[in-house]
C-alpha atoms as a PDB file:
ATOM      1  CA  MET A   1     107.245 -77.349  19.925  1.00  0.00           C
ATOM      2  CA  ASP A   2     106.438 -78.792  23.331  1.00  0.00           C
ATOM      3  CA  SER A   3     106.869 -82.467  24.257  1.00  0.00           C
ATOM      4  CA  GLU A   4     103.103 -83.132  24.224  1.00  0.00           C
ATOM      5  CA  MET A   5     102.776 -81.919  20.634  1.00  0.00           C
ATOM      6  CA  ARG A   6     105.865 -83.900  19.617  1.00  0.00           C
ATOM      7  CA  ALA A   7     104.368 -87.070  21.133  1.00  0.00           C
ATOM      8  CA  LYS A   8     101.043 -86.523  19.339  1.00  0.00           C
ATOM      9  CA  LEU A   9     102.801 -86.042  16.004  1.00  0.00           C
ATOM     10  CA  VAL A  10     104.889 -89.191  16.499  1.00  0.00           C
ATOM     11  CA  GLU A  11     101.755 -91.161  17.386  1.00  0.00           C
ATOM     12  CA  GLN A  12      99.939 -89.853  14.316  1.00  0.00           C
ATOM     13  CA  ALA A  13     102.923 -90.548  12.044  1.00  0.00           C
ATOM     14  CA  ASN A  14     103.107 -94.119  13.371  1.00  0.00           C
ATOM     15  CA  TYR A  15      99.392 -94.574  12.681  1.00  0.00           C
ATOM     16  CA  HIS A  16      99.833 -93.320   9.117  1.00  0.00           C
ATOM     17  CA  ARG A  17     102.918 -95.513   8.649  1.00  0.00           C
ATOM     18  CA  GLU A  18     100.849 -98.598   9.558  1.00  0.00           C
ATOM     19  CA  ARG A  19      98.172 -97.615   7.043  1.00  0.00           C
ATOM     20  CA  MET A  20     100.818 -97.085   4.357  1.00  0.00           C
ATOM     21  CA  LYS A  21     102.216-100.620   4.762  1.00  0.00           C
ATOM     22  CA  ARG A  22      99.248-101.988   2.801  1.00  0.00           C
ATOM     23  CA  LEU A  23      99.631 -99.532  -0.090  1.00  0.00           C
ATOM     24  CA  SER A  24     101.501 -99.745  -3.370  1.00  0.00           C
ATOM     25  CA  GLU A  25     104.176 -97.130  -4.079  1.00  0.00           C
ATOM     26  CA  SER A  26     101.816 -94.996  -6.174  1.00  0.00           C
ATOM     27  CA  GLU A  27      99.063 -95.294  -3.564  1.00  0.00           C
ATOM     28  CA  MET A  28     101.549 -94.162  -0.893  1.00  0.00           C
ATOM     29  CA  GLY A  29     102.340 -91.027  -2.872  1.00  0.00           C
ATOM     30  CA  ALA A  30      98.638 -90.240  -3.246  1.00  0.00           C
ATOM     31  CA  PHE A  31      98.087 -90.901   0.474  1.00  0.00           C
ATOM     32  CA  VAL A  32     100.906 -88.528   1.491  1.00  0.00           C
ATOM     33  CA  LYS A  33      99.643 -85.850  -0.909  1.00  0.00           C
ATOM     34  CA  ARG A  34      96.155 -86.177   0.590  1.00  0.00           C
ATOM     35  CA  LEU A  35      97.546 -85.848   4.140  1.00  0.00           C
ATOM     36  CA  ILE A  36      99.228 -82.610   3.109  1.00  0.00           C
ATOM     37  CA  ASP A  37      96.373 -81.210   1.000  1.00  0.00           C
ATOM     38  CA  GLU A  38      93.615 -81.886   3.552  1.00  0.00           C
ATOM     39  CA  ASN A  39      95.348 -80.192   6.483  1.00  0.00           C
ATOM     40  CA  ASP A  40      96.361 -76.650   7.350  1.00  0.00           C
ATOM     41  CA  ILE A  41      99.717 -77.787   8.723  1.00  0.00           C
ATOM     42  CA  ALA A  42     101.689 -80.904   7.824  1.00  0.00           C
ATOM     43  CA  TRP A  43     104.826 -82.068   9.616  1.00  0.00           C
ATOM     44  CA  GLY A  44     107.280 -84.642   8.335  1.00  0.00           C
ATOM     45  CA  VAL A  45     108.311 -86.958  11.187  1.00  0.00           C
ATOM     46  CA  PHE A  46     111.511 -88.987  10.976  1.00  0.00           C
ATOM     47  CA  GLN A  47     113.980 -90.724  13.269  1.00  0.00           C
ATOM     48  CA  ASP A  48     116.736 -88.460  14.582  1.00  0.00           C
ATOM     49  CA  GLY A  49     119.300 -89.979  16.907  1.00  0.00           C
ATOM     50  CA  ALA A  50     120.481 -86.531  17.998  1.00  0.00           C
ATOM     51  CA  ALA A  51     117.042 -85.496  19.314  1.00  0.00           C
ATOM     52  CA  PRO A  52     116.230 -86.234  22.994  1.00  0.00           C
ATOM     53  CA  ASP A  53     113.142 -88.278  22.060  1.00  0.00           C
ATOM     54  CA  GLY A  54     114.696 -89.795  18.922  1.00  0.00           C
ATOM     55  CA  PHE A  55     112.482 -87.968  16.428  1.00  0.00           C
ATOM     56  CA  GLY A  56     112.979 -85.028  14.110  1.00  0.00           C
ATOM     57  CA  PHE A  57     110.333 -82.798  12.560  1.00  0.00           C
ATOM     58  CA  HIS A  58     110.237 -80.794   9.350  1.00  0.00           C
ATOM     59  CA  LEU A  59     107.413 -78.417   8.502  1.00  0.00           C
ATOM     60  CA  ILE A  60     106.124 -79.474   5.076  1.00  0.00           C
ATOM     61  CA  LYS A  61     103.134 -77.156   4.834  1.00  0.00           C
ATOM     62  CA  GLY A  62     101.672 -74.292   6.811  1.00  0.00           C
ATOM     63  CA  ARG A  63     104.590 -72.067   7.803  1.00  0.00           C
ATOM     64  CA  ARG A  64     102.666 -68.796   7.354  1.00  0.00           C
ATOM     65  CA  THR A  65      99.510 -70.291   8.848  1.00  0.00           C
ATOM     66  CA  LEU A  66     101.415 -71.497  11.904  1.00  0.00           C
ATOM     67  CA  GLU A  67     103.189 -68.160  12.384  1.00  0.00           C
ATOM     68  CA  ALA A  68      99.876 -66.263  12.157  1.00  0.00           C
ATOM     69  CA  ALA A  69      98.164 -68.680  14.557  1.00  0.00           C
ATOM     70  CA  VAL A  70     100.933 -68.389  17.138  1.00  0.00           C
ATOM     71  CA  ALA A  71     100.933 -64.582  16.862  1.00  0.00           C
ATOM     72  CA  SER A  72      97.158 -64.389  17.280  1.00  0.00           C
ATOM     73  CA  GLY A  73      96.857 -67.169  19.854  1.00  0.00           C
ATOM     74  CA  LYS A  74      94.235 -68.940  17.694  1.00  0.00           C
ATOM     75  CA  ALA A  75      95.971 -72.193  16.821  1.00  0.00           C
ATOM     76  CA  LYS A  76      93.355 -74.521  18.301  1.00  0.00           C
ATOM     77  CA  ASN A  77      91.170 -74.844  15.194  1.00  0.00           C
ATOM     78  CA  LEU A  78      93.932 -75.785  12.781  1.00  0.00           C
ATOM     79  CA  ARG A  79      93.994 -79.208  11.147  1.00  0.00           C
ATOM     80  CA  VAL A  80      97.438 -80.722  11.698  1.00  0.00           C
ATOM     81  CA  SER A  81      98.833 -83.906  10.209  1.00  0.00           C
ATOM     82  CA  ALA A  82     102.036 -85.902  10.580  1.00  0.00           C
ATOM     83  CA  VAL A  83     103.621 -87.535   7.544  1.00  0.00           C
ATOM     84  CA  PRO A  84     105.917 -90.469   8.325  1.00  0.00           C
ATOM     85  CA  CYS A  85     109.288 -90.084   6.594  1.00  0.00           C
ATOM     86  CA  ILE A  86     112.229 -92.479   6.496  1.00  0.00           C
ATOM     87  CA  LYS A  87     114.633 -89.538   6.696  1.00  0.00           C
ATOM     88  CA  LYS A  88     114.598 -85.738   6.763  1.00  0.00           C
ATOM     89  CA  GLU A  89     115.415 -85.484   3.070  1.00  0.00           C
ATOM     90  CA  LEU A  90     112.075 -87.120   2.219  1.00  0.00           C
ATOM     91  CA  ALA A  91     110.226 -84.550   4.339  1.00  0.00           C
ATOM     92  CA  VAL A  92     112.087 -81.776   2.490  1.00  0.00           C
ATOM     93  CA  ALA A  93     111.185 -83.409  -0.839  1.00  0.00           C
ATOM     94  CA  ALA A  94     107.510 -83.576   0.212  1.00  0.00           C
ATOM     95  CA  GLU A  95     107.657 -79.864   1.065  1.00  0.00           C
ATOM     96  CA  LYS A  96     109.129 -79.058  -2.351  1.00  0.00           C
ATOM     97  CA  THR A  97     106.622 -81.271  -4.146  1.00  0.00           C
ATOM     98  CA  TRP A  98     103.358 -80.624  -2.293  1.00  0.00           C
ATOM     99  CA  GLY A  99     103.975 -78.155   0.526  1.00  0.00           C
ATOM    100  CA  ASP A 100     105.045 -74.587   1.099  1.00  0.00           C
ATOM    101  CA  GLY A 101     108.140 -74.991  -1.060  1.00  0.00           C
ATOM    102  CA  SER A 102     106.315 -76.437  -4.080  1.00  0.00           C
ATOM    103  CA  VAL A 103     106.530 -74.783  -7.451  1.00  0.00           C
ATOM    104  CA  LYS A 104     102.895 -74.155  -8.366  1.00  0.00           C
ATOM    105  CA  GLY A 105     101.751 -75.120 -11.817  1.00  0.00           C
ATOM    106  CA  THR A 106     104.281 -77.941 -12.263  1.00  0.00           C
ATOM    107  CA  GLU A 107     102.355 -80.715 -10.535  1.00  0.00           C
END
């Protein structure tokens, strides 16, 4: 992922984080689920002191979609969202609950 895309995802995650500050815990869960459901690709964004820019990224949803888009060169029309996460483990949990790693039929 190039630095421009990383910066856009961080900006979007910060925007969503501000919106989430006004929500109850259950509303936050619904908001995050909606961010994932309504987009082709969803990235979890979290602080990472080891990264040059201080942020880490975990792909929550859209692995196959992203791979196909990169291979075909047609990634421009994809809807991409950034989910703010306190730590990487929460991004992994979101993937398992609502993303590519979710167990369908148990929601």
